[in-house]
Amino acid sequence: QVQLVESGGGLVQPGGSLRLSCVGSGMIFAIYDMAWYRQAPGKQRELVAGITGGGNENYADSAKGRFTISRDTAKKTLYLQMNSLKPEDTAVYYCNADLTRLDPAYDYWGQGTQVTVSS
């Protein structure tokens, strides 16, 4: 049974930093494409950043230059380093593990962690 558990969210002032973590279990972490999504109140869930099993990264325009996604296969952990945070980054951030290239059912989500950017 695949489980993803996020942590690291919280309240931070504009311009501040946070590092989110997502620990996976019940899965061969290395073969999954991993990503961070976020959902703000009243808005659709959107991709923030993704990283393939091979380490290729992609970012939403809003995240480029401020956020960095990384993964530690040995620790089965996905990270999102967020710098220069803005109030519009306020959202629930979700970790996603995607292996749908093998089976459409292999698409897993964490429970989310709240990030609030406010003075």
PDB file of N, CA and C in Angstrom:
ATOM      1  N   GLN A   1       0.851  -1.195   0.000  1.00  0.00           N
ATOM      2  CA  GLN A   1       0.000   0.000   0.000  1.00  0.00           C
ATOM      3  C   GLN A   1       0.882   1.239   0.000  1.00  0.00           C
ATOM      4  N   VAL A   2       0.755   2.032  -1.065  1.00  0.00           N
ATOM      5  CA  VAL A   2       1.566   3.246  -1.178  1.00  0.00           C
ATOM      6  C   VAL A   2       1.022   4.327  -0.259  1.00  0.00           C
ATOM      7  N   GLN A   3       1.927   4.943   0.469  1.00  0.00           N
ATOM      8  CA  GLN A   3       1.562   6.100   1.298  1.00  0.00           C
ATOM      9  C   GLN A   3       2.562   7.210   1.084  1.00  0.00           C
ATOM     10  N   LEU A   4       2.058   8.419   1.032  1.00  0.00           N
ATOM     11  CA  LEU A   4       2.880   9.619   0.924  1.00  0.00           C
ATOM     12  C   LEU A   4       2.516  10.534   2.081  1.00  0.00           C
ATOM     13  N   VAL A   5       3.510  10.964   2.832  1.00  0.00           N
ATOM     14  CA  VAL A   5       3.257  11.813   3.991  1.00  0.00           C
ATOM     15  C   VAL A   5       4.086  13.085   3.865  1.00  0.00           C
ATOM     16  N   GLU A   6       3.371  14.216   3.747  1.00  0.00           N
ATOM     17  CA  GLU A   6       4.033  15.507   3.624  1.00  0.00           C
ATOM     18  C   GLU A   6       4.247  16.132   4.993  1.00  0.00           C
ATOM     19  N   SER A   7       5.240  16.988   5.056  1.00  0.00           N
ATOM     20  CA  SER A   7       5.491  17.787   6.252  1.00  0.00           C
ATOM     21  C   SER A   7       6.258  19.034   5.850  1.00  0.00           C
ATOM     22  N   GLY A   8       6.352  19.967   6.781  1.00  0.00           N
ATOM     23  CA  GLY A   8       7.164  21.154   6.545  1.00  0.00           C
ATOM     24  C   GLY A   8       6.389  22.421   6.267  1.00  0.00           C
ATOM     25  N   GLY A   9       5.083  22.318   6.135  1.00  0.00           N
ATOM     26  CA  GLY A   9       4.298  23.519   5.922  1.00  0.00           C
ATOM     27  C   GLY A   9       4.212  24.372   7.166  1.00  0.00           C
ATOM     28  N   GLY A  10       3.638  25.556   7.006  1.00  0.00           N
ATOM     29  CA  GLY A  10       3.497  26.448   8.151  1.00  0.00           C
ATOM     30  C   GLY A  10       3.220  27.855   7.725  1.00  0.00           C
ATOM     31  N   LEU A  11       3.352  28.760   8.682  1.00  0.00           N
ATOM     32  CA  LEU A  11       3.139  30.183   8.443  1.00  0.00           C
ATOM     33  C   LEU A  11       4.502  30.854   8.293  1.00  0.00           C
ATOM     34  N   VAL A  12       4.656  31.621   7.235  1.00  0.00           N
ATOM     35  CA  VAL A  12       5.925  32.296   6.984  1.00  0.00           C
ATOM     36  C   VAL A  12       5.635  33.689   6.436  1.00  0.00           C
ATOM     37  N   GLN A  13       6.514  34.616   6.717  1.00  0.00           N
ATOM     38  CA  GLN A  13       6.346  35.979   6.220  1.00  0.00           C
ATOM     39  C   GLN A  13       6.762  36.067   4.754  1.00  0.00           C
ATOM     40  N   PRO A  14       6.214  37.033   4.040  1.00  0.00           N
ATOM     41  CA  PRO A  14       6.663  37.242   2.649  1.00  0.00           C
ATOM     42  C   PRO A  14       8.173  37.408   2.587  1.00  0.00           C
ATOM     43  N   GLY A  15       8.777  36.763   1.590  1.00  0.00           N
ATOM     44  CA  GLY A  15      10.226  36.774   1.461  1.00  0.00           C
ATOM     45  C   GLY A  15      10.924  35.650   2.186  1.00  0.00           C
ATOM     46  N   GLY A  16      10.190  34.919   2.992  1.00  0.00           N
ATOM     47  CA  GLY A  16      10.773  33.841   3.768  1.00  0.00           C
ATOM     48  C   GLY A  16      10.897  32.548   2.976  1.00  0.00           C
ATOM     49  N   SER A  17      11.358  31.508   3.668  1.00  0.00           N
ATOM     50  CA  SER A  17      11.600  30.213   3.041  1.00  0.00           C
ATOM     51  C   SER A  17      10.964  29.088   3.842  1.00  0.00           C
ATOM     52  N   LEU A  18      10.640  28.026   3.132  1.00  0.00           N
ATOM     53  CA  LEU A  18      10.176  26.789   3.749  1.00  0.00           C
ATOM     54  C   LEU A  18      10.714  25.625   2.923  1.00  0.00           C
ATOM     55  N   ARG A  19      10.904  24.486   3.575  1.00  0.00           N
ATOM     56  CA  ARG A  19      11.235  23.265   2.852  1.00  0.00           C
ATOM     57  C   ARG A  19      10.194  22.204   3.175  1.00  0.00           C
ATOM     58  N   LEU A  20       9.508  21.774   2.149  1.00  0.00           N
ATOM     59  CA  LEU A  20       8.529  20.710   2.299  1.00  0.00           C
ATOM     60  C   LEU A  20       9.195  19.362   2.054  1.00  0.00           C
ATOM     61  N   SER A  21       8.715  18.358   2.770  1.00  0.00           N
ATOM     62  CA  SER A  21       9.201  16.993   2.589  1.00  0.00           C
ATOM     63  C   SER A  21       8.017  16.064   2.355  1.00  0.00           C
ATOM     64  N   CYS A  22       8.277  15.000   1.625  1.00  0.00           N
ATOM     65  CA  CYS A  22       7.253  13.992   1.369  1.00  0.00           C
ATOM     66  C   CYS A  22       7.941  12.629   1.430  1.00  0.00           C
ATOM     67  N   VAL A  23       7.556  11.844   2.398  1.00  0.00           N
ATOM     68  CA  VAL A  23       8.150  10.521   2.563  1.00  0.00           C
ATOM     69  C   VAL A  23       7.222   9.469   1.983  1.00  0.00           C
ATOM     70  N   GLY A  24       7.767   8.635   1.120  1.00  0.00           N
ATOM     71  CA  GLY A  24       6.991   7.568   0.512  1.00  0.00           C
ATOM     72  C   GLY A  24       7.241   6.229   1.181  1.00  0.00           C
ATOM     73  N   SER A  25       6.221   5.395   1.209  1.00  0.00           N
ATOM     74  CA  SER A  25       6.366   4.041   1.728  1.00  0.00           C
ATOM     75  C   SER A  25       5.505   3.111   0.897  1.00  0.00           C
ATOM     76  N   GLY A  26       5.858   1.812   0.944  1.00  0.00           N
ATOM     77  CA  GLY A  26       5.095   0.831   0.179  1.00  0.00           C
ATOM     78  C   GLY A  26       5.292   0.946  -1.318  1.00  0.00           C
ATOM     79  N   MET A  27       6.403   1.495  -1.740  1.00  0.00           N
ATOM     80  CA  MET A  27       6.633   1.761  -3.159  1.00  0.00           C
ATOM     81  C   MET A  27       8.112   1.673  -3.480  1.00  0.00           C
ATOM     82  N   ILE A  28       8.393   1.384  -4.761  1.00  0.00           N
ATOM     83  CA  ILE A  28       9.772   1.469  -5.245  1.00  0.00           C
ATOM     84  C   ILE A  28       9.964   2.915  -5.674  1.00  0.00           C
ATOM     85  N   PHE A  29      10.398   3.713  -4.735  1.00  0.00           N
ATOM     86  CA  PHE A  29      10.414   5.175  -4.891  1.00  0.00           C
ATOM     87  C   PHE A  29      11.154   5.605  -6.154  1.00  0.00           C
ATOM     88  N   ALA A  30      12.241   4.928  -6.463  1.00  0.00           N
ATOM     89  CA  ALA A  30      13.130   5.388  -7.536  1.00  0.00           C
ATOM     90  C   ALA A  30      12.464   5.407  -8.905  1.00  0.00           C
ATOM     91  N   ILE A  31      11.453   4.577  -9.127  1.00  0.00           N
ATOM     92  CA  ILE A  31      10.897   4.470 -10.466  1.00  0.00           C
ATOM     93  C   ILE A  31       9.707   5.399 -10.699  1.00  0.00           C
ATOM     94  N   TYR A  32       9.276   6.061  -9.644  1.00  0.00           N
ATOM     95  CA  TYR A  32       8.134   6.962  -9.777  1.00  0.00           C
ATOM     96  C   TYR A  32       8.573   8.349 -10.219  1.00  0.00           C
ATOM     97  N   ASP A  33       7.776   8.961 -11.090  1.00  0.00           N
ATOM     98  CA  ASP A  33       7.881  10.402 -11.306  1.00  0.00           C
ATOM     99  C   ASP A  33       7.167  11.064 -10.133  1.00  0.00           C
ATOM    100  N   MET A  34       7.807  12.050  -9.555  1.00  0.00           N
ATOM    101  CA  MET A  34       7.270  12.706  -8.361  1.00  0.00           C
ATOM    102  C   MET A  34       6.999  14.175  -8.656  1.00  0.00           C
ATOM    103  N   ALA A  35       6.056  14.737  -7.929  1.00  0.00           N
ATOM    104  CA  ALA A  35       5.724  16.137  -8.171  1.00  0.00           C
ATOM    105  C   ALA A  35       5.090  16.754  -6.936  1.00  0.00           C
ATOM    106  N   TRP A  36       5.147  18.053  -6.909  1.00  0.00           N
ATOM    107  CA  TRP A  36       4.407  18.872  -5.937  1.00  0.00           C
ATOM    108  C   TRP A  36       3.328  19.642  -6.678  1.00  0.00           C
ATOM    109  N   TYR A  37       2.129  19.581  -6.137  1.00  0.00           N
ATOM    110  CA  TYR A  37       1.003  20.363  -6.609  1.00  0.00           C
ATOM    111  C   TYR A  37       0.543  21.254  -5.455  1.00  0.00           C
ATOM    112  N   ARG A  38      -0.255  22.247  -5.796  1.00  0.00           N
ATOM    113  CA  ARG A  38      -0.852  23.072  -4.746  1.00  0.00           C
ATOM    114  C   ARG A  38      -2.262  23.461  -5.150  1.00  0.00           C
ATOM    115  N   GLN A  39      -3.047  23.733  -4.124  1.00  0.00           N
ATOM    116  CA  GLN A  39      -4.418  24.171  -4.346  1.00  0.00           C
ATOM    117  C   GLN A  39      -4.760  25.274  -3.369  1.00  0.00           C
ATOM    118  N   ALA A  40      -5.040  26.431  -3.916  1.00  0.00           N
ATOM    119  CA  ALA A  40      -5.454  27.571  -3.108  1.00  0.00           C
ATOM    120  C   ALA A  40      -6.978  27.583  -2.998  1.00  0.00           C
ATOM    121  N   PRO A  41      -7.525  28.226  -1.983  1.00  0.00           N
ATOM    122  CA  PRO A  41      -8.983  28.254  -1.822  1.00  0.00           C
ATOM    123  C   PRO A  41      -9.667  28.795  -3.066  1.00  0.00           C
ATOM    124  N   GLY A  42     -10.659  28.065  -3.539  1.00  0.00           N
ATOM    125  CA  GLY A  42     -11.428  28.500  -4.688  1.00  0.00           C
ATOM    126  C   GLY A  42     -10.750  28.316  -6.020  1.00  0.00           C
ATOM    127  N   LYS A  43      -9.586  27.678  -6.015  1.00  0.00           N
ATOM    128  CA  LYS A  43      -8.850  27.478  -7.263  1.00  0.00           C
ATOM    129  C   LYS A  43      -8.618  25.994  -7.523  1.00  0.00           C
ATOM    130  N   GLN A  44      -8.284  25.684  -8.761  1.00  0.00           N
ATOM    131  CA  GLN A  44      -7.988  24.300  -9.110  1.00  0.00           C
ATOM    132  C   GLN A  44      -6.579  23.932  -8.655  1.00  0.00           C
ATOM    133  N   ARG A  45      -6.388  22.650  -8.448  1.00  0.00           N
ATOM    134  CA  ARG A  45      -5.054  22.158  -8.114  1.00  0.00           C
ATOM    135  C   ARG A  45      -4.143  22.373  -9.317  1.00  0.00           C
ATOM    136  N   GLU A  46      -2.918  22.840  -9.038  1.00  0.00           N
ATOM    137  CA  GLU A  46      -1.989  23.126 -10.120  1.00  0.00           C
ATOM    138  C   GLU A  46      -0.623  22.532  -9.820  1.00  0.00           C
ATOM    139  N   LEU A  47       0.082  22.180 -10.896  1.00  0.00           N
ATOM    140  CA  LEU A  47       1.436  21.660 -10.754  1.00  0.00           C
ATOM    141  C   LEU A  47       2.381  22.778 -10.346  1.00  0.00           C
ATOM    142  N   VAL A  48       3.223  22.500  -9.372  1.00  0.00           N
ATOM    143  CA  VAL A  48       4.250  23.452  -8.957  1.00  0.00           C
ATOM    144  C   VAL A  48       5.599  23.049  -9.548  1.00  0.00           C
ATOM    145  N   ALA A  49       5.966  21.787  -9.346  1.00  0.00           N
ATOM    146  CA  ALA A  49       7.250  21.285  -9.833  1.00  0.00           C
ATOM    147  C   ALA A  49       7.207  19.774  -9.898  1.00  0.00           C
ATOM    148  N   GLY A  50       7.946  19.210 -10.844  1.00  0.00           N
ATOM    149  CA  GLY A  50       8.015  17.768 -10.974  1.00  0.00           C
ATOM    150  C   GLY A  50       9.441  17.304 -11.180  1.00  0.00           C
ATOM    151  N   ILE A  51       9.691  16.047 -10.858  1.00  0.00           N
ATOM    152  CA  ILE A  51      11.014  15.467 -11.077  1.00  0.00           C
ATOM    153  C   ILE A  51      10.839  14.001 -11.435  1.00  0.00           C
ATOM    154  N   THR A  52      11.468  13.596 -12.523  1.00  0.00           N
ATOM    155  CA  THR A  52      11.332  12.219 -12.972  1.00  0.00           C
ATOM    156  C   THR A  52      12.233  11.302 -12.157  1.00  0.00           C
ATOM    157  N   GLY A  53      12.055  10.009 -12.371  1.00  0.00           N
ATOM    158  CA  GLY A  53      12.937   9.059 -11.712  1.00  0.00           C
ATOM    159  C   GLY A  53      14.385   9.256 -12.103  1.00  0.00           C
ATOM    160  N   GLY A  54      14.597   9.779 -13.316  1.00  0.00           N
ATOM    161  CA  GLY A  54      15.945  10.044 -13.782  1.00  0.00           C
ATOM    162  C   GLY A  54      16.495  11.384 -13.350  1.00  0.00           C
ATOM    163  N   GLY A  55      15.696  12.170 -12.667  1.00  0.00           N
ATOM    164  CA  GLY A  55      16.169  13.438 -12.116  1.00  0.00           C
ATOM    165  C   GLY A  55      15.871  14.658 -12.962  1.00  0.00           C
ATOM    166  N   ASN A  56      15.116  14.496 -14.042  1.00  0.00           N
ATOM    167  CA  ASN A  56      14.766  15.669 -14.843  1.00  0.00           C
ATOM    168  C   ASN A  56      13.690  16.475 -14.121  1.00  0.00           C
ATOM    169  N   GLU A  57      13.910  17.776 -14.054  1.00  0.00           N
ATOM    170  CA  GLU A  57      13.028  18.663 -13.315  1.00  0.00           C
ATOM    171  C   GLU A  57      12.215  19.554 -14.261  1.00  0.00           C
ATOM    172  N   ASN A  58      11.013  19.899 -13.818  1.00  0.00           N
ATOM    173  CA  ASN A  58      10.242  20.912 -14.522  1.00  0.00           C
ATOM    174  C   ASN A  58       9.493  21.742 -13.489  1.00  0.00           C
ATOM    175  N   TYR A  59       9.257  22.991 -13.833  1.00  0.00           N
ATOM    176  CA  TYR A  59       8.654  23.945 -12.903  1.00  0.00           C
ATOM    177  C   TYR A  59       7.559  24.754 -13.579  1.00  0.00           C
ATOM    178  N   ALA A  60       6.554  25.082 -12.797  1.00  0.00           N
ATOM    179  CA  ALA A  60       5.593  26.077 -13.235  1.00  0.00           C
ATOM    180  C   ALA A  60       6.305  27.419 -13.327  1.00  0.00           C
ATOM    181  N   ASP A  61       5.807  28.275 -14.205  1.00  0.00           N
ATOM    182  CA  ASP A  61       6.437  29.594 -14.358  1.00  0.00           C
ATOM    183  C   ASP A  61       6.493  30.334 -13.025  1.00  0.00           C
ATOM    184  N   SER A  62       5.454  30.155 -12.212  1.00  0.00           N
ATOM    185  CA  SER A  62       5.391  30.871 -10.929  1.00  0.00           C
ATOM    186  C   SER A  62       6.459  30.399  -9.948  1.00  0.00           C
ATOM    187  N   ALA A  63       7.016  29.205 -10.192  1.00  0.00           N
ATOM    188  CA  ALA A  63       7.995  28.621  -9.270  1.00  0.00           C
ATOM    189  C   ALA A  63       9.439  28.780  -9.752  1.00  0.00           C
ATOM    190  N   LYS A  64       9.609  29.049 -11.014  1.00  0.00           N
ATOM    191  CA  LYS A  64      10.963  29.125 -11.579  1.00  0.00           C
ATOM    192  C   LYS A  64      11.790  30.198 -10.892  1.00  0.00           C
ATOM    193  N   GLY A  65      12.998  29.826 -10.515  1.00  0.00           N
ATOM    194  CA  GLY A  65      13.906  30.765  -9.882  1.00  0.00           C
ATOM    195  C   GLY A  65      13.712  30.931  -8.393  1.00  0.00           C
ATOM    196  N   ARG A  66      12.617  30.402  -7.851  1.00  0.00           N
ATOM    197  CA  ARG A  66      12.348  30.524  -6.407  1.00  0.00           C
ATOM    198  C   ARG A  66      12.276  29.173  -5.711  1.00  0.00           C
ATOM    199  N   PHE A  67      11.751  28.178  -6.417  1.00  0.00           N
ATOM    200  CA  PHE A  67      11.551  26.853  -5.817  1.00  0.00           C
ATOM    201  C   PHE A  67      12.508  25.845  -6.440  1.00  0.00           C
ATOM    202  N   THR A  68      12.909  24.863  -5.647  1.00  0.00           N
ATOM    203  CA  THR A  68      13.751  23.781  -6.139  1.00  0.00           C
ATOM    204  C   THR A  68      13.207  22.450  -5.660  1.00  0.00           C
ATOM    205  N   ILE A  69      12.966  21.572  -6.595  1.00  0.00           N
ATOM    206  CA  ILE A  69      12.504  20.232  -6.259  1.00  0.00           C
ATOM    207  C   ILE A  69      13.702  19.284  -6.271  1.00  0.00           C
ATOM    208  N   SER A  70      13.688  18.331  -5.342  1.00  0.00           N
ATOM    209  CA  SER A  70      14.757  17.343  -5.301  1.00  0.00           C
ATOM    210  C   SER A  70      14.215  16.053  -4.684  1.00  0.00           C
ATOM    211  N   ARG A  71      14.983  14.995  -4.850  1.00  0.00           N
ATOM    212  CA  ARG A  71      14.563  13.715  -4.295  1.00  0.00           C
ATOM    213  C   ARG A  71      15.769  12.963  -3.765  1.00  0.00           C
ATOM    214  N   ASP A  72      15.543  12.217  -2.694  1.00  0.00           N
ATOM    215  CA  ASP A  72      16.569  11.370  -2.091  1.00  0.00           C
ATOM    216  C   ASP A  72      16.020   9.946  -2.138  1.00  0.00           C
ATOM    217  N   THR A  73      16.528   9.169  -3.085  1.00  0.00           N
ATOM    218  CA  THR A  73      15.992   7.825  -3.276  1.00  0.00           C
ATOM    219  C   THR A  73      16.237   6.940  -2.064  1.00  0.00           C
ATOM    220  N   ALA A  74      17.398   7.069  -1.469  1.00  0.00           N
ATOM    221  CA  ALA A  74      17.724   6.233  -0.309  1.00  0.00           C
ATOM    222  C   ALA A  74      16.764   6.487   0.846  1.00  0.00           C
ATOM    223  N   LYS A  75      16.335   7.730   0.995  1.00  0.00           N
ATOM    224  CA  LYS A  75      15.409   8.082   2.077  1.00  0.00           C
ATOM    225  C   LYS A  75      13.954   8.043   1.622  1.00  0.00           C
ATOM    226  N   LYS A  76      13.734   7.741   0.346  1.00  0.00           N
ATOM    227  CA  LYS A  76      12.372   7.737  -0.217  1.00  0.00           C
ATOM    228  C   LYS A  76      11.665   9.052   0.091  1.00  0.00           C
ATOM    229  N   THR A  77      12.368  10.126  -0.122  1.00  0.00           N
ATOM    230  CA  THR A  77      11.845  11.434   0.250  1.00  0.00           C
ATOM    231  C   THR A  77      11.947  12.416  -0.906  1.00  0.00           C
ATOM    232  N   LEU A  78      10.881  13.159  -1.093  1.00  0.00           N
ATOM    233  CA  LEU A  78      10.802  14.242  -2.064  1.00  0.00           C
ATOM    234  C   LEU A  78      10.824  15.549  -1.300  1.00  0.00           C
ATOM    235  N   TYR A  79      11.525  16.531  -1.840  1.00  0.00           N
ATOM    236  CA  TYR A  79      11.627  17.839  -1.189  1.00  0.00           C
ATOM    237  C   TYR A  79      11.157  18.944  -2.128  1.00  0.00           C
ATOM    238  N   LEU A  80      10.738  20.039  -1.510  1.00  0.00           N
ATOM    239  CA  LEU A  80      10.509  21.267  -2.248  1.00  0.00           C
ATOM    240  C   LEU A  80      11.056  22.414  -1.407  1.00  0.00           C
ATOM    241  N   GLN A  81      12.150  22.981  -1.860  1.00  0.00           N
ATOM    242  CA  GLN A  81      12.717  24.155  -1.206  1.00  0.00           C
ATOM    243  C   GLN A  81      12.065  25.384  -1.811  1.00  0.00           C
ATOM    244  N   MET A  82      11.431  26.163  -0.972  1.00  0.00           N
ATOM    245  CA  MET A  82      10.707  27.348  -1.447  1.00  0.00           C
ATOM    246  C   MET A  82      11.333  28.589  -0.828  1.00  0.00           C
ATOM    247  N   ASN A  83      11.833  29.457  -1.673  1.00  0.00           N
ATOM    248  CA  ASN A  83      12.450  30.710  -1.241  1.00  0.00           C
ATOM    249  C   ASN A  83      11.662  31.896  -1.779  1.00  0.00           C
ATOM    250  N   SER A  84      11.915  33.054  -1.216  1.00  0.00           N
ATOM    251  CA  SER A  84      11.255  34.291  -1.667  1.00  0.00           C
ATOM    252  C   SER A  84       9.747  34.099  -1.771  1.00  0.00           C
ATOM    253  N   LEU A  85       9.171  33.558  -0.731  1.00  0.00           N
ATOM    254  CA  LEU A  85       7.743  33.242  -0.758  1.00  0.00           C
ATOM    255  C   LEU A  85       6.896  34.494  -0.827  1.00  0.00           C
ATOM    256  N   LYS A  86       5.775  34.354  -1.528  1.00  0.00           N
ATOM    257  CA  LYS A  86       4.847  35.453  -1.734  1.00  0.00           C
ATOM    258  C   LYS A  86       3.475  35.060  -1.174  1.00  0.00           C
ATOM    259  N   PRO A  87       2.639  36.032  -0.848  1.00  0.00           N
ATOM    260  CA  PRO A  87       1.292  35.698  -0.363  1.00  0.00           C
ATOM    261  C   PRO A  87       0.521  34.799  -1.337  1.00  0.00           C
ATOM    262  N   GLU A  88       0.765  34.960  -2.623  1.00  0.00           N
ATOM    263  CA  GLU A  88       0.061  34.132  -3.602  1.00  0.00           C
ATOM    264  C   GLU A  88       0.544  32.684  -3.638  1.00  0.00           C
ATOM    265  N   ASP A  89       1.585  32.371  -2.883  1.00  0.00           N
ATOM    266  CA  ASP A  89       2.014  30.976  -2.737  1.00  0.00           C
ATOM    267  C   ASP A  89       1.194  30.253  -1.668  1.00  0.00           C
ATOM    268  N   THR A  90       0.349  30.975  -0.977  1.00  0.00           N
ATOM    269  CA  THR A  90      -0.481  30.359   0.049  1.00  0.00           C
ATOM    270  C   THR A  90      -1.403  29.317  -0.566  1.00  0.00           C
ATOM    271  N   ALA A  91      -1.324  28.096  -0.045  1.00  0.00           N
ATOM    272  CA  ALA A  91      -2.107  26.979  -0.599  1.00  0.00           C
ATOM    273  C   ALA A  91      -1.833  25.733   0.234  1.00  0.00           C
ATOM    274  N   VAL A  92      -2.614  24.711  -0.028  1.00  0.00           N
ATOM    275  CA  VAL A  92      -2.277  23.376   0.451  1.00  0.00           C
ATOM    276  C   VAL A  92      -1.402  22.721  -0.611  1.00  0.00           C
ATOM    277  N   TYR A  93      -0.256  22.217  -0.176  1.00  0.00           N
ATOM    278  CA  TYR A  93       0.700  21.608  -1.092  1.00  0.00           C
ATOM    279  C   TYR A  93       0.601  20.085  -0.968  1.00  0.00           C
ATOM    280  N   TYR A  94       0.505  19.441  -2.122  1.00  0.00           N
ATOM    281  CA  TYR A  94       0.327  17.990  -2.179  1.00  0.00           C
ATOM    282  C   TYR A  94       1.498  17.337  -2.903  1.00  0.00           C
ATOM    283  N   CYS A  95       1.888  16.217  -2.405  1.00  0.00           N
ATOM    284  CA  CYS A  95       2.898  15.368  -3.031  1.00  0.00           C
ATOM    285  C   CYS A  95       2.189  14.345  -3.919  1.00  0.00           C
ATOM    286  N   ASN A  96       2.750  14.107  -5.090  1.00  0.00           N
ATOM    287  CA  ASN A  96       2.177  13.149  -6.030  1.00  0.00           C
ATOM    288  C   ASN A  96       3.237  12.169  -6.515  1.00  0.00           C
ATOM    289  N   ALA A  97       2.865  10.914  -6.569  1.00  0.00           N
ATOM    290  CA  ALA A  97       3.727   9.865  -7.129  1.00  0.00           C
ATOM    291  C   ALA A  97       3.009   9.261  -8.329  1.00  0.00           C
ATOM    292  N   ASP A  98       3.667   9.264  -9.454  1.00  0.00           N
ATOM    293  CA  ASP A  98       3.016   8.903 -10.725  1.00  0.00           C
ATOM    294  C   ASP A  98       3.797   7.802 -11.422  1.00  0.00           C
ATOM    295  N   LEU A  99       3.111   6.678 -11.615  1.00  0.00           N
ATOM    296  CA  LEU A  99       3.678   5.612 -12.422  1.00  0.00           C
ATOM    297  C   LEU A  99       2.633   5.174 -13.446  1.00  0.00           C
ATOM    298  N   THR A 100       1.815   6.125 -13.891  1.00  0.00           N
ATOM    299  CA  THR A 100       0.701   5.812 -14.793  1.00  0.00           C
ATOM    300  C   THR A 100       1.171   5.339 -16.161  1.00  0.00           C
ATOM    301  N   ARG A 101       2.447   5.500 -16.451  1.00  0.00           N
ATOM    302  CA  ARG A 101       2.951   4.966 -17.721  1.00  0.00           C
ATOM    303  C   ARG A 101       2.902   3.435 -17.734  1.00  0.00           C
ATOM    304  N   LEU A 102       2.848   2.852 -16.540  1.00  0.00           N
ATOM    305  CA  LEU A 102       2.715   1.403 -16.444  1.00  0.00           C
ATOM    306  C   LEU A 102       1.270   0.988 -16.199  1.00  0.00           C
ATOM    307  N   ASP A 103       0.561   1.769 -15.403  1.00  0.00           N
ATOM    308  CA  ASP A 103      -0.812   1.428 -15.047  1.00  0.00           C
ATOM    309  C   ASP A 103      -1.507   2.703 -14.599  1.00  0.00           C
ATOM    310  N   PRO A 104      -2.651   3.017 -15.201  1.00  0.00           N
ATOM    311  CA  PRO A 104      -3.360   4.249 -14.807  1.00  0.00           C
ATOM    312  C   PRO A 104      -3.696   4.330 -13.326  1.00  0.00           C
ATOM    313  N   ALA A 105      -3.740   3.197 -12.665  1.00  0.00           N
ATOM    314  CA  ALA A 105      -4.083   3.194 -11.241  1.00  0.00           C
ATOM    315  C   ALA A 105      -2.927   3.642 -10.364  1.00  0.00           C
ATOM    316  N   TYR A 106      -1.716   3.667 -10.918  1.00  0.00           N
ATOM    317  CA  TYR A 106      -0.535   4.000 -10.128  1.00  0.00           C
ATOM    318  C   TYR A 106      -0.340   5.515 -10.062  1.00  0.00           C
ATOM    319  N   ASP A 107      -1.260   6.165  -9.361  1.00  0.00           N
ATOM    320  CA  ASP A 107      -1.251   7.616  -9.213  1.00  0.00           C
ATOM    321  C   ASP A 107      -1.656   7.900  -7.781  1.00  0.00           C
ATOM    322  N   TYR A 108      -0.711   8.368  -6.985  1.00  0.00           N
ATOM    323  CA  TYR A 108      -0.925   8.471  -5.541  1.00  0.00           C
ATOM    324  C   TYR A 108      -0.700   9.894  -5.055  1.00  0.00           C
ATOM    325  N   TRP A 109      -1.451  10.245  -3.999  1.00  0.00           N
ATOM    326  CA  TRP A 109      -1.393  11.587  -3.426  1.00  0.00           C
ATOM    327  C   TRP A 109      -1.220  11.524  -1.918  1.00  0.00           C
ATOM    328  N   GLY A 110      -0.513  12.518  -1.402  1.00  0.00           N
ATOM    329  CA  GLY A 110      -0.444  12.687   0.035  1.00  0.00           C
ATOM    330  C   GLY A 110      -1.653  13.455   0.535  1.00  0.00           C
ATOM    331  N   GLN A 111      -1.678  13.680   1.837  1.00  0.00           N
ATOM    332  CA  GLN A 111      -2.827  14.345   2.457  1.00  0.00           C
ATOM    333  C   GLN A 111      -2.732  15.861   2.382  1.00  0.00           C
ATOM    334  N   GLY A 112      -1.568  16.375   2.045  1.00  0.00           N
ATOM    335  CA  GLY A 112      -1.381  17.815   1.909  1.00  0.00           C
ATOM    336  C   GLY A 112      -0.807  18.468   3.146  1.00  0.00           C
ATOM    337  N   THR A 113      -0.113  19.567   2.923  1.00  0.00           N
ATOM    338  CA  THR A 113       0.429  20.364   4.016  1.00  0.00           C
ATOM    339  C   THR A 113       0.164  21.841   3.699  1.00  0.00           C
ATOM    340  N   GLN A 114      -0.320  22.563   4.687  1.00  0.00           N
ATOM    341  CA  GLN A 114      -0.729  23.956   4.480  1.00  0.00           C
ATOM    342  C   GLN A 114       0.484  24.877   4.525  1.00  0.00           C
ATOM    343  N   VAL A 115       0.575  25.726   3.525  1.00  0.00           N
ATOM    344  CA  VAL A 115       1.578  26.796   3.499  1.00  0.00           C
ATOM    345  C   VAL A 115       0.828  28.126   3.467  1.00  0.00           C
ATOM    346  N   THR A 116       1.131  28.967   4.439  1.00  0.00           N
ATOM    347  CA  THR A 116       0.503  30.281   4.513  1.00  0.00           C
ATOM    348  C   THR A 116       1.593  31.341   4.542  1.00  0.00           C
ATOM    349  N   VAL A 117       1.527  32.248   3.578  1.00  0.00           N
ATOM    350  CA  VAL A 117       2.510  33.334   3.486  1.00  0.00           C
ATOM    351  C   VAL A 117       1.786  34.633   3.806  1.00  0.00           C
ATOM    352  N   SER A 118       2.113  35.184   4.948  1.00  0.00           N
ATOM    353  CA  SER A 118       1.402  36.372   5.413  1.00  0.00           C
ATOM    354  C   SER A 118       2.248  37.116   6.428  1.00  0.00           C
ATOM    355  N   SER A 119       2.087  38.424   6.424  1.00  0.00           N
ATOM    356  CA  SER A 119       2.777  39.243   7.428  1.00  0.00           C
ATOM    357  C   SER A 119       1.865  39.477   8.630  1.00  0.00           C
TER     358      SER A 119
END
